Amino acid sequence: MSDWTDVTLLADFPPGSMRRVELDGTNVAVFNVDGSCYAIEDLCTHDGGTLTGGAFTGDVIECPRHGARFCVRNGRVLSPPAYEDVPVFPVRIDAGRVQVRDARWDDLEG
């Protein structure tokens, strides 16, 4: 899938904010870190729980269930009990709108 999906207006998405959006059945968490936007799958790789209910500080999201921490800039796991990174998604700002897309299948569409 290569279509961009609107998340919110950038004006309504200040630094320190997070939003959740669904992309073809995949929940994606979008974050504003100091004016730059990032997106990761909203799924803890430890047990499959959602991340968006957890504490978001700086560029780190903490899983509300067991405390695994992930960098929202690159999806890297920062602390156990998770040991696998979470997938990242491309984000852009277009005409003042924060948009995200699922690029995982782009190579298969060609």
PDB file of N, CA and C in Angstrom:
ATOM      1  N   MET A   1       0.846  -1.176   0.000  1.00  0.00           N
ATOM      2  CA  MET A   1       0.000   0.000   0.000  1.00  0.00           C
ATOM      3  C   MET A   1       0.884   1.229   0.000  1.00  0.00           C
ATOM      4  N   SER A   2       0.642   2.154  -0.890  1.00  0.00           N
ATOM      5  CA  SER A   2       1.490   3.333  -0.966  1.00  0.00           C
ATOM      6  C   SER A   2       0.727   4.627  -0.715  1.00  0.00           C
ATOM      7  N   ASP A   3      -0.539   4.555  -0.358  1.00  0.00           N
ATOM      8  CA  ASP A   3      -1.327   5.756  -0.103  1.00  0.00           C
ATOM      9  C   ASP A   3      -0.997   6.347   1.257  1.00  0.00           C
ATOM     10  N   TRP A   4      -0.996   7.671   1.305  1.00  0.00           N
ATOM     11  CA  TRP A   4      -0.769   8.382   2.558  1.00  0.00           C
ATOM     12  C   TRP A   4      -2.097   8.551   3.281  1.00  0.00           C
ATOM     13  N   THR A   5      -2.079   8.412   4.585  1.00  0.00           N
ATOM     14  CA  THR A   5      -3.270   8.542   5.420  1.00  0.00           C
ATOM     15  C   THR A   5      -3.104   9.732   6.347  1.00  0.00           C
ATOM     16  N   ASP A   6      -4.116  10.598   6.385  1.00  0.00           N
ATOM     17  CA  ASP A   6      -4.088  11.740   7.287  1.00  0.00           C
ATOM     18  C   ASP A   6      -4.191  11.272   8.731  1.00  0.00           C
ATOM     19  N   VAL A   7      -3.369  11.886   9.587  1.00  0.00           N
ATOM     20  CA  VAL A   7      -3.407  11.605  11.018  1.00  0.00           C
ATOM     21  C   VAL A   7      -4.093  12.755  11.743  1.00  0.00           C
ATOM     22  N   THR A   8      -3.616  13.962  11.507  1.00  0.00           N
ATOM     23  CA  THR A   8      -4.143  15.164  12.141  1.00  0.00           C
ATOM     24  C   THR A   8      -3.509  16.377  11.473  1.00  0.00           C
ATOM     25  N   LEU A   9      -4.015  17.550  11.795  1.00  0.00           N
ATOM     26  CA  LEU A   9      -3.360  18.772  11.359  1.00  0.00           C
ATOM     27  C   LEU A   9      -2.143  19.009  12.244  1.00  0.00           C
ATOM     28  N   LEU A  10      -1.043  19.438  11.644  1.00  0.00           N
ATOM     29  CA  LEU A  10       0.169  19.701  12.417  1.00  0.00           C
ATOM     30  C   LEU A  10      -0.107  20.754  13.489  1.00  0.00           C
ATOM     31  N   ALA A  11      -0.950  21.730  13.178  1.00  0.00           N
ATOM     32  CA  ALA A  11      -1.283  22.786  14.143  1.00  0.00           C
ATOM     33  C   ALA A  11      -1.978  22.222  15.381  1.00  0.00           C
ATOM     34  N   ASP A  12      -2.620  21.077  15.260  1.00  0.00           N
ATOM     35  CA  ASP A  12      -3.315  20.430  16.377  1.00  0.00           C
ATOM     36  C   ASP A  12      -2.495  19.308  17.012  1.00  0.00           C
ATOM     37  N   PHE A  13      -1.205  19.238  16.689  1.00  0.00           N
ATOM     38  CA  PHE A  13      -0.354  18.128  17.117  1.00  0.00           C
ATOM     39  C   PHE A  13       0.959  18.676  17.669  1.00  0.00           C
ATOM     40  N   PRO A  14       0.914  19.284  18.850  1.00  0.00           N
ATOM     41  CA  PRO A  14       2.113  19.927  19.407  1.00  0.00           C
ATOM     42  C   PRO A  14       3.170  18.912  19.844  1.00  0.00           C
ATOM     43  N   PRO A  15       4.410  19.364  20.021  1.00  0.00           N
ATOM     44  CA  PRO A  15       5.453  18.486  20.540  1.00  0.00           C
ATOM     45  C   PRO A  15       5.003  17.810  21.838  1.00  0.00           C
ATOM     46  N   GLY A  16       5.358  16.535  21.962  1.00  0.00           N
ATOM     47  CA  GLY A  16       4.959  15.749  23.116  1.00  0.00           C
ATOM     48  C   GLY A  16       3.638  15.028  22.930  1.00  0.00           C
ATOM     49  N   SER A  17       3.011  15.206  21.759  1.00  0.00           N
ATOM     50  CA  SER A  17       1.727  14.558  21.477  1.00  0.00           C
ATOM     51  C   SER A  17       1.932  13.215  20.801  1.00  0.00           C
ATOM     52  N   MET A  18       0.923  12.358  20.933  1.00  0.00           N
ATOM     53  CA  MET A  18       0.891  11.111  20.182  1.00  0.00           C
ATOM     54  C   MET A  18      -0.540  10.866  19.730  1.00  0.00           C
ATOM     55  N   ARG A  19      -0.662  10.196  18.592  1.00  0.00           N
ATOM     56  CA  ARG A  19      -1.958   9.830  18.037  1.00  0.00           C
ATOM     57  C   ARG A  19      -1.865   8.402  17.521  1.00  0.00           C
ATOM     58  N   ARG A  20      -3.006   7.772  17.431  1.00  0.00           N
ATOM     59  CA  ARG A  20      -3.087   6.413  16.894  1.00  0.00           C
ATOM     60  C   ARG A  20      -3.957   6.439  15.645  1.00  0.00           C
ATOM     61  N   VAL A  21      -3.522   5.721  14.618  1.00  0.00           N
ATOM     62  CA  VAL A  21      -4.266   5.634  13.364  1.00  0.00           C
ATOM     63  C   VAL A  21      -4.195   4.197  12.872  1.00  0.00           C
ATOM     64  N   GLU A  22      -5.208   3.774  12.149  1.00  0.00           N
ATOM     65  CA  GLU A  22      -5.204   2.428  11.589  1.00  0.00           C
ATOM     66  C   GLU A  22      -4.892   2.496  10.104  1.00  0.00           C
ATOM     67  N   LEU A  23      -3.948   1.662   9.667  1.00  0.00           N
ATOM     68  CA  LEU A  23      -3.578   1.554   8.257  1.00  0.00           C
ATOM     69  C   LEU A  23      -3.844   0.130   7.803  1.00  0.00           C
ATOM     70  N   ASP A  24      -4.928  -0.085   7.099  1.00  0.00           N
ATOM     71  CA  ASP A  24      -5.269  -1.415   6.593  1.00  0.00           C
ATOM     72  C   ASP A  24      -5.139  -2.511   7.644  1.00  0.00           C
ATOM     73  N   GLY A  25      -5.718  -2.273   8.817  1.00  0.00           N
ATOM     74  CA  GLY A  25      -5.711  -3.280   9.868  1.00  0.00           C
ATOM     75  C   GLY A  25      -4.515  -3.247  10.794  1.00  0.00           C
ATOM     76  N   THR A  26      -3.558  -2.364  10.544  1.00  0.00           N
ATOM     77  CA  THR A  26      -2.386  -2.227  11.409  1.00  0.00           C
ATOM     78  C   THR A  26      -2.504  -0.934  12.202  1.00  0.00           C
ATOM     79  N   ASN A  27      -2.423  -1.031  13.517  1.00  0.00           N
ATOM     80  CA  ASN A  27      -2.451   0.164  14.354  1.00  0.00           C
ATOM     81  C   ASN A  27      -1.069   0.793  14.386  1.00  0.00           C
ATOM     82  N   VAL A  28      -1.025   2.094  14.116  1.00  0.00           N
ATOM     83  CA  VAL A  28       0.225   2.842  14.048  1.00  0.00           C
ATOM     84  C   VAL A  28       0.150   3.995  15.041  1.00  0.00           C
ATOM     85  N   ALA A  29       1.212   4.170  15.804  1.00  0.00           N
ATOM     86  CA  ALA A  29       1.330   5.273  16.748  1.00  0.00           C
ATOM     87  C   ALA A  29       2.207   6.353  16.119  1.00  0.00           C
ATOM     88  N   VAL A  30       1.693   7.582  16.095  1.00  0.00           N
ATOM     89  CA  VAL A  30       2.414   8.708  15.514  1.00  0.00           C
ATOM     90  C   VAL A  30       2.752   9.676  16.645  1.00  0.00           C
ATOM     91  N   PHE A  31       4.000  10.148  16.677  1.00  0.00           N
ATOM     92  CA  PHE A  31       4.508  10.971  17.763  1.00  0.00           C
ATOM     93  C   PHE A  31       5.103  12.264  17.222  1.00  0.00           C
ATOM     94  N   ASN A  32       4.952  13.344  17.986  1.00  0.00           N
ATOM     95  CA  ASN A  32       5.631  14.594  17.689  1.00  0.00           C
ATOM     96  C   ASN A  32       6.733  14.760  18.732  1.00  0.00           C
ATOM     97  N   VAL A  33       7.971  14.688  18.267  1.00  0.00           N
ATOM     98  CA  VAL A  33       9.143  14.841  19.126  1.00  0.00           C
ATOM     99  C   VAL A  33       9.840  16.134  18.739  1.00  0.00           C
ATOM    100  N   ASP A  34       9.679  17.150  19.553  1.00  0.00           N
ATOM    101  CA  ASP A  34      10.330  18.448  19.316  1.00  0.00           C
ATOM    102  C   ASP A  34      10.064  18.994  17.913  1.00  0.00           C
ATOM    103  N   GLY A  35       8.852  18.796  17.405  1.00  0.00           N
ATOM    104  CA  GLY A  35       8.477  19.332  16.100  1.00  0.00           C
ATOM    105  C   GLY A  35       8.702  18.399  14.932  1.00  0.00           C
ATOM    106  N   SER A  36       9.327  17.256  15.145  1.00  0.00           N
ATOM    107  CA  SER A  36       9.495  16.240  14.105  1.00  0.00           C
ATOM    108  C   SER A  36       8.565  15.076  14.410  1.00  0.00           C
ATOM    109  N   CYS A  37       7.951  14.525  13.367  1.00  0.00           N
ATOM    110  CA  CYS A  37       6.975  13.453  13.567  1.00  0.00           C
ATOM    111  C   CYS A  37       7.554  12.099  13.165  1.00  0.00           C
ATOM    112  N   TYR A  38       7.203  11.089  13.951  1.00  0.00           N
ATOM    113  CA  TYR A  38       7.676   9.719  13.751  1.00  0.00           C
ATOM    114  C   TYR A  38       6.506   8.769  13.947  1.00  0.00           C
ATOM    115  N   ALA A  39       6.590   7.594  13.326  1.00  0.00           N
ATOM    116  CA  ALA A  39       5.523   6.603  13.458  1.00  0.00           C
ATOM    117  C   ALA A  39       6.112   5.211  13.616  1.00  0.00           C
ATOM    118  N   ILE A  40       5.530   4.452  14.548  1.00  0.00           N
ATOM    119  CA  ILE A  40       5.902   3.064  14.770  1.00  0.00           C
ATOM    120  C   ILE A  40       4.623   2.242  14.900  1.00  0.00           C
ATOM    121  N   GLU A  41       4.756   0.942  14.739  1.00  0.00           N
ATOM    122  CA  GLU A  41       3.594   0.097  14.966  1.00  0.00           C
ATOM    123  C   GLU A  41       3.202   0.179  16.439  1.00  0.00           C
ATOM    124  N   ASP A  42       1.916   0.286  16.690  1.00  0.00           N
ATOM    125  CA  ASP A  42       1.405   0.404  18.055  1.00  0.00           C
ATOM    126  C   ASP A  42       1.243  -0.984  18.656  1.00  0.00           C
ATOM    127  N   LEU A  43       2.385  -1.659  18.836  1.00  0.00           N
ATOM    128  CA  LEU A  43       2.368  -3.039  19.283  1.00  0.00           C
ATOM    129  C   LEU A  43       3.679  -3.361  19.999  1.00  0.00           C
ATOM    130  N   CYS A  44       3.591  -3.717  21.262  1.00  0.00           N
ATOM    131  CA  CYS A  44       4.782  -4.115  21.997  1.00  0.00           C
ATOM    132  C   CYS A  44       5.242  -5.479  21.491  1.00  0.00           C
ATOM    133  N   THR A  45       6.511  -5.597  21.166  1.00  0.00           N
ATOM    134  CA  THR A  45       7.032  -6.861  20.637  1.00  0.00           C
ATOM    135  C   THR A  45       7.219  -7.904  21.732  1.00  0.00           C
ATOM    136  N   HIS A  46       7.016  -7.534  22.974  1.00  0.00           N
ATOM    137  CA  HIS A  46       7.109  -8.499  24.069  1.00  0.00           C
ATOM    138  C   HIS A  46       5.863  -9.361  24.153  1.00  0.00           C
ATOM    139  N   ASP A  47       4.680  -8.712  24.163  1.00  0.00           N
ATOM    140  CA  ASP A  47       3.462  -9.507  24.351  1.00  0.00           C
ATOM    141  C   ASP A  47       2.288  -9.066  23.495  1.00  0.00           C
ATOM    142  N   GLY A  48       2.511  -8.139  22.563  1.00  0.00           N
ATOM    143  CA  GLY A  48       1.447  -7.748  21.643  1.00  0.00           C
ATOM    144  C   GLY A  48       0.499  -6.693  22.171  1.00  0.00           C
ATOM    145  N   GLY A  49       0.772  -6.128  23.333  1.00  0.00           N
ATOM    146  CA  GLY A  49      -0.073  -5.057  23.856  1.00  0.00           C
ATOM    147  C   GLY A  49       0.173  -3.753  23.113  1.00  0.00           C
ATOM    148  N   THR A  50      -0.770  -2.815  23.224  1.00  0.00           N
ATOM    149  CA  THR A  50      -0.603  -1.519  22.582  1.00  0.00           C
ATOM    150  C   THR A  50       0.354  -0.651  23.384  1.00  0.00           C
ATOM    151  N   LEU A  51       1.068   0.213  22.669  1.00  0.00           N
ATOM    152  CA  LEU A  51       2.024   1.112  23.309  1.00  0.00           C
ATOM    153  C   LEU A  51       1.420   2.469  23.661  1.00  0.00           C
ATOM    154  N   THR A  52       0.382   2.880  22.935  1.00  0.00           N
ATOM    155  CA  THR A  52      -0.134   4.238  23.092  1.00  0.00           C
ATOM    156  C   THR A  52      -0.746   4.535  24.455  1.00  0.00           C
ATOM    157  N   GLY A  53      -0.993   3.548  25.273  1.00  0.00           N
ATOM    158  CA  GLY A  53      -1.475   3.806  26.625  1.00  0.00           C
ATOM    159  C   GLY A  53      -0.359   4.073  27.609  1.00  0.00           C
ATOM    160  N   GLY A  54       0.883   3.979  27.151  1.00  0.00           N
ATOM    161  CA  GLY A  54       2.029   4.132  28.037  1.00  0.00           C
ATOM    162  C   GLY A  54       2.557   5.547  28.106  1.00  0.00           C
ATOM    163  N   ALA A  55       3.520   5.745  28.984  1.00  0.00           N
ATOM    164  CA  ALA A  55       4.148   7.052  29.159  1.00  0.00           C
ATOM    165  C   ALA A  55       5.029   7.367  27.953  1.00  0.00           C
ATOM    166  N   PHE A  56       4.893   8.588  27.435  1.00  0.00           N
ATOM    167  CA  PHE A  56       5.679   9.069  26.306  1.00  0.00           C
ATOM    168  C   PHE A  56       6.478  10.276  26.794  1.00  0.00           C
ATOM    169  N   THR A  57       7.808  10.113  26.866  1.00  0.00           N
ATOM    170  CA  THR A  57       8.687  11.169  27.347  1.00  0.00           C
ATOM    171  C   THR A  57       9.866  11.302  26.405  1.00  0.00           C
ATOM    172  N   GLY A  58      10.123  12.536  25.940  1.00  0.00           N
ATOM    173  CA  GLY A  58      11.222  12.747  24.990  1.00  0.00           C
ATOM    174  C   GLY A  58      10.937  12.000  23.712  1.00  0.00           C
ATOM    175  N   ASP A  59      11.766  11.000  23.397  1.00  0.00           N
ATOM    176  CA  ASP A  59      11.537  10.182  22.212  1.00  0.00           C
ATOM    177  C   ASP A  59      11.345   8.711  22.586  1.00  0.00           C
ATOM    178  N   VAL A  60      10.848   8.476  23.820  1.00  0.00           N
ATOM    179  CA  VAL A  60      10.687   7.114  24.321  1.00  0.00           C
ATOM    180  C   VAL A  60       9.235   6.859  24.722  1.00  0.00           C
ATOM    181  N   ILE A  61       8.707   5.719  24.272  1.00  0.00           N
ATOM    182  CA  ILE A  61       7.390   5.247  24.701  1.00  0.00           C
ATOM    183  C   ILE A  61       7.607   4.004  25.559  1.00  0.00           C
ATOM    184  N   GLU A  62       6.888   3.946  26.667  1.00  0.00           N
ATOM    185  CA  GLU A  62       6.989   2.803  27.567  1.00  0.00           C
ATOM    186  C   GLU A  62       5.705   1.992  27.507  1.00  0.00           C
ATOM    187  N   CYS A  63       5.840   0.710  27.306  1.00  0.00           N
ATOM    188  CA  CYS A  63       4.681  -0.171  27.265  1.00  0.00           C
ATOM    189  C   CYS A  63       3.977  -0.129  28.625  1.00  0.00           C
ATOM    190  N   PRO A  64       2.666   0.116  28.627  1.00  0.00           N
ATOM    191  CA  PRO A  64       1.959   0.220  29.896  1.00  0.00           C
ATOM    192  C   PRO A  64       1.795  -1.117  30.622  1.00  0.00           C
ATOM    193  N   ARG A  65       2.014  -2.220  29.935  1.00  0.00           N
ATOM    194  CA  ARG A  65       1.787  -3.533  30.555  1.00  0.00           C
ATOM    195  C   ARG A  65       2.984  -4.024  31.368  1.00  0.00           C
ATOM    196  N   HIS A  66       4.164  -4.033  30.759  1.00  0.00           N
ATOM    197  CA  HIS A  66       5.319  -4.618  31.442  1.00  0.00           C
ATOM    198  C   HIS A  66       6.557  -3.724  31.434  1.00  0.00           C
ATOM    199  N   GLY A  67       6.442  -2.499  30.908  1.00  0.00           N
ATOM    200  CA  GLY A  67       7.520  -1.533  31.025  1.00  0.00           C
ATOM    201  C   GLY A  67       8.609  -1.567  29.975  1.00  0.00           C
ATOM    202  N   ALA A  68       8.459  -2.376  28.919  1.00  0.00           N
ATOM    203  CA  ALA A  68       9.447  -2.323  27.835  1.00  0.00           C
ATOM    204  C   ALA A  68       9.442  -0.916  27.248  1.00  0.00           C
ATOM    205  N   ARG A  69      10.603  -0.433  26.836  1.00  0.00           N
ATOM    206  CA  ARG A  69      10.711   0.916  26.298  1.00  0.00           C
ATOM    207  C   ARG A  69      11.253   0.869  24.884  1.00  0.00           C
ATOM    208  N   PHE A  70      10.738   1.782  24.026  1.00  0.00           N
ATOM    209  CA  PHE A  70      11.117   1.839  22.621  1.00  0.00           C
ATOM    210  C   PHE A  70      11.392   3.284  22.220  1.00  0.00           C
ATOM    211  N   CYS A  71      12.363   3.480  21.333  1.00  0.00           N
ATOM    212  CA  CYS A  71      12.626   4.787  20.744  1.00  0.00           C
ATOM    213  C   CYS A  71      11.628   4.998  19.607  1.00  0.00           C
ATOM    214  N   VAL A  72      10.878   6.085  19.652  1.00  0.00           N
ATOM    215  CA  VAL A  72       9.880   6.319  18.609  1.00  0.00           C
ATOM    216  C   VAL A  72      10.512   6.829  17.315  1.00  0.00           C
ATOM    217  N   ARG A  73      11.759   7.280  17.363  1.00  0.00           N
ATOM    218  CA  ARG A  73      12.431   7.766  16.158  1.00  0.00           C
ATOM    219  C   ARG A  73      12.792   6.627  15.204  1.00  0.00           C
ATOM    220  N   ASN A  74      13.173   5.474  15.775  1.00  0.00           N
ATOM    221  CA  ASN A  74      13.661   4.379  14.925  1.00  0.00           C
ATOM    222  C   ASN A  74      13.096   3.007  15.283  1.00  0.00           C
ATOM    223  N   GLY A  75      12.211   2.954  16.283  1.00  0.00           N
ATOM    224  CA  GLY A  75      11.580   1.695  16.660  1.00  0.00           C
ATOM    225  C   GLY A  75      12.438   0.765  17.496  1.00  0.00           C
ATOM    226  N   ARG A  76      13.631   1.179  17.848  1.00  0.00           N
ATOM    227  CA  ARG A  76      14.541   0.289  18.580  1.00  0.00           C
ATOM    228  C   ARG A  76      14.079   0.053  20.011  1.00  0.00           C
ATOM    229  N   VAL A  77      14.197  -1.196  20.414  1.00  0.00           N
ATOM    230  CA  VAL A  77      13.881  -1.548  21.792  1.00  0.00           C
ATOM    231  C   VAL A  77      15.006  -1.034  22.690  1.00  0.00           C
ATOM    232  N   LEU A  78      14.631  -0.443  23.810  1.00  0.00           N
ATOM    233  CA  LEU A  78      15.606   0.146  24.723  1.00  0.00           C
ATOM    234  C   LEU A  78      15.735  -0.614  26.031  1.00  0.00           C
ATOM    235  N   SER A  79      14.718  -1.421  26.360  1.00  0.00           N
ATOM    236  CA  SER A  79      14.788  -2.172  27.615  1.00  0.00           C
ATOM    237  C   SER A  79      13.871  -3.382  27.576  1.00  0.00           C
ATOM    238  N   PRO A  80      14.268  -4.435  28.309  1.00  0.00           N
ATOM    239  CA  PRO A  80      13.427  -5.621  28.401  1.00  0.00           C
ATOM    240  C   PRO A  80      12.148  -5.296  29.184  1.00  0.00           C
ATOM    241  N   PRO A  81      11.152  -6.131  29.081  1.00  0.00           N
ATOM    242  CA  PRO A  81      11.211  -7.509  28.616  1.00  0.00           C
ATOM    243  C   PRO A  81      11.144  -7.684  27.094  1.00  0.00           C
ATOM    244  N   ALA A  82      11.002  -6.617  26.325  1.00  0.00           N
ATOM    245  CA  ALA A  82      11.035  -6.752  24.860  1.00  0.00           C
ATOM    246  C   ALA A  82      12.485  -6.841  24.392  1.00  0.00           C
ATOM    247  N   TYR A  83      12.699  -7.588  23.320  1.00  0.00           N
ATOM    248  CA  TYR A  83      14.038  -7.718  22.730  1.00  0.00           C
ATOM    249  C   TYR A  83      14.036  -7.463  21.231  1.00  0.00           C
ATOM    250  N   GLU A  84      12.847  -7.290  20.635  1.00  0.00           N
ATOM    251  CA  GLU A  84      12.745  -7.021  19.205  1.00  0.00           C
ATOM    252  C   GLU A  84      12.264  -5.593  18.978  1.00  0.00           C
ATOM    253  N   ASP A  85      12.844  -4.935  17.961  1.00  0.00           N
ATOM    254  CA  ASP A  85      12.421  -3.596  17.579  1.00  0.00           C
ATOM    255  C   ASP A  85      10.995  -3.642  17.022  1.00  0.00           C
ATOM    256  N   VAL A  86      10.328  -2.479  17.017  1.00  0.00           N
ATOM    257  CA  VAL A  86       9.011  -2.378  16.391  1.00  0.00           C
ATOM    258  C   VAL A  86       9.176  -1.757  15.004  1.00  0.00           C
ATOM    259  N   PRO A  87       8.317  -2.140  14.051  1.00  0.00           N
ATOM    260  CA  PRO A  87       8.404  -1.564  12.708  1.00  0.00           C
ATOM    261  C   PRO A  87       8.138  -0.055  12.719  1.00  0.00           C
ATOM    262  N   VAL A  88       8.819   0.649  11.826  1.00  0.00           N
ATOM    263  CA  VAL A  88       8.621   2.090  11.665  1.00  0.00           C
ATOM    264  C   VAL A  88       7.884   2.351  10.352  1.00  0.00           C
ATOM    265  N   PHE A  89       7.239   3.505  10.283  1.00  0.00           N
ATOM    266  CA  PHE A  89       6.462   3.887   9.107  1.00  0.00           C
ATOM    267  C   PHE A  89       6.869   5.291   8.676  1.00  0.00           C
ATOM    268  N   PRO A  90       6.870   5.553   7.364  1.00  0.00           N
ATOM    269  CA  PRO A  90       7.201   6.897   6.895  1.00  0.00           C
ATOM    270  C   PRO A  90       6.123   7.907   7.291  1.00  0.00           C
ATOM    271  N   VAL A  91       6.576   9.117   7.632  1.00  0.00           N
ATOM    272  CA  VAL A  91       5.694  10.218   7.999  1.00  0.00           C
ATOM    273  C   VAL A  91       6.085  11.421   7.157  1.00  0.00           C
ATOM    274  N   ARG A  92       5.092  12.197   6.755  1.00  0.00           N
ATOM    275  CA  ARG A  92       5.367  13.456   6.059  1.00  0.00           C
ATOM    276  C   ARG A  92       4.356  14.500   6.499  1.00  0.00           C
ATOM    277  N   ILE A  93       4.712  15.756   6.243  1.00  0.00           N
ATOM    278  CA  ILE A  93       3.792  16.865   6.455  1.00  0.00           C
ATOM    279  C   ILE A  93       3.436  17.379   5.063  1.00  0.00           C
ATOM    280  N   ASP A  94       2.152  17.377   4.736  1.00  0.00           N
ATOM    281  CA  ASP A  94       1.687  17.809   3.421  1.00  0.00           C
ATOM    282  C   ASP A  94       0.538  18.795   3.619  1.00  0.00           C
ATOM    283  N   ALA A  95       0.734  20.025   3.173  1.00  0.00           N
ATOM    284  CA  ALA A  95      -0.283  21.077   3.291  1.00  0.00           C
ATOM    285  C   ALA A  95      -0.776  21.209   4.740  1.00  0.00           C
ATOM    286  N   GLY A  96       0.163  21.106   5.683  1.00  0.00           N
ATOM    287  CA  GLY A  96      -0.176  21.272   7.082  1.00  0.00           C
ATOM    288  C   GLY A  96      -0.787  20.054   7.746  1.00  0.00           C
ATOM    289  N   ARG A  97      -0.841  18.935   7.031  1.00  0.00           N
ATOM    290  CA  ARG A  97      -1.409  17.699   7.588  1.00  0.00           C
ATOM    291  C   ARG A  97      -0.296  16.695   7.848  1.00  0.00           C
ATOM    292  N   VAL A  98      -0.338  16.056   9.007  1.00  0.00           N
ATOM    293  CA  VAL A  98       0.579  14.965   9.317  1.00  0.00           C
ATOM    294  C   VAL A  98       0.009  13.724   8.639  1.00  0.00           C
ATOM    295  N   GLN A  99       0.828  13.063   7.840  1.00  0.00           N
ATOM    296  CA  GLN A  99       0.388  11.877   7.112  1.00  0.00           C
ATOM    297  C   GLN A  99       1.370  10.730   7.331  1.00  0.00           C
ATOM    298  N   VAL A 100       0.853   9.517   7.275  1.00  0.00           N
ATOM    299  CA  VAL A 100       1.657   8.315   7.450  1.00  0.00           C
ATOM    300  C   VAL A 100       1.225   7.301   6.408  1.00  0.00           C
ATOM    301  N   ARG A 101       2.122   6.377   6.080  1.00  0.00           N
ATOM    302  CA  ARG A 101       1.758   5.315   5.134  1.00  0.00           C
ATOM    303  C   ARG A 101       2.471   4.032   5.513  1.00  0.00           C
ATOM    304  N   ASP A 102       1.918   2.945   5.018  1.00  0.00           N
ATOM    305  CA  ASP A 102       2.504   1.624   5.249  1.00  0.00           C
ATOM    306  C   ASP A 102       3.329   1.267   4.023  1.00  0.00           C
ATOM    307  N   ALA A 103       4.643   1.350   4.161  1.00  0.00           N
ATOM    308  CA  ALA A 103       5.552   1.094   3.038  1.00  0.00           C
ATOM    309  C   ALA A 103       6.124  -0.315   3.062  1.00  0.00           C
ATOM    310  N   ARG A 104       5.638  -1.157   3.984  1.00  0.00           N
ATOM    311  CA  ARG A 104       6.233  -2.494   4.135  1.00  0.00           C
ATOM    312  C   ARG A 104       6.053  -3.364   2.902  1.00  0.00           C
ATOM    313  N   TRP A 105       5.042  -3.124   2.114  1.00  0.00           N
ATOM    314  CA  TRP A 105       4.769  -3.991   0.973  1.00  0.00           C
ATOM    315  C   TRP A 105       5.151  -3.345  -0.357  1.00  0.00           C
ATOM    316  N   ASP A 106       5.796  -2.183  -0.332  1.00  0.00           N
ATOM    317  CA  ASP A 106       6.139  -1.492  -1.575  1.00  0.00           C
ATOM    318  C   ASP A 106       6.975  -2.328  -2.528  1.00  0.00           C
ATOM    319  N   ASP A 107       7.948  -3.048  -2.005  1.00  0.00           N
ATOM    320  CA  ASP A 107       8.805  -3.860  -2.867  1.00  0.00           C
ATOM    321  C   ASP A 107       8.044  -5.007  -3.540  1.00  0.00           C
ATOM    322  N   LEU A 108       6.975  -5.455  -2.908  1.00  0.00           N
ATOM    323  CA  LEU A 108       6.192  -6.559  -3.462  1.00  0.00           C
ATOM    324  C   LEU A 108       5.210  -6.100  -4.530  1.00  0.00           C
ATOM    325  N   GLU A 109       4.881  -4.787  -4.549  1.00  0.00           N
ATOM    326  CA  GLU A 109       3.914  -4.267  -5.503  1.00  0.00           C
ATOM    327  C   GLU A 109       4.524  -4.048  -6.880  1.00  0.00           C
ATOM    328  N   GLY A 110       5.836  -3.880  -6.943  1.00  0.00           N
ATOM    329  CA  GLY A 110       6.521  -3.526  -8.178  1.00  0.00           C
ATOM    330  C   GLY A 110       6.417  -4.558  -9.200  1.00  0.00           C
TER     331      GLY A 110
END
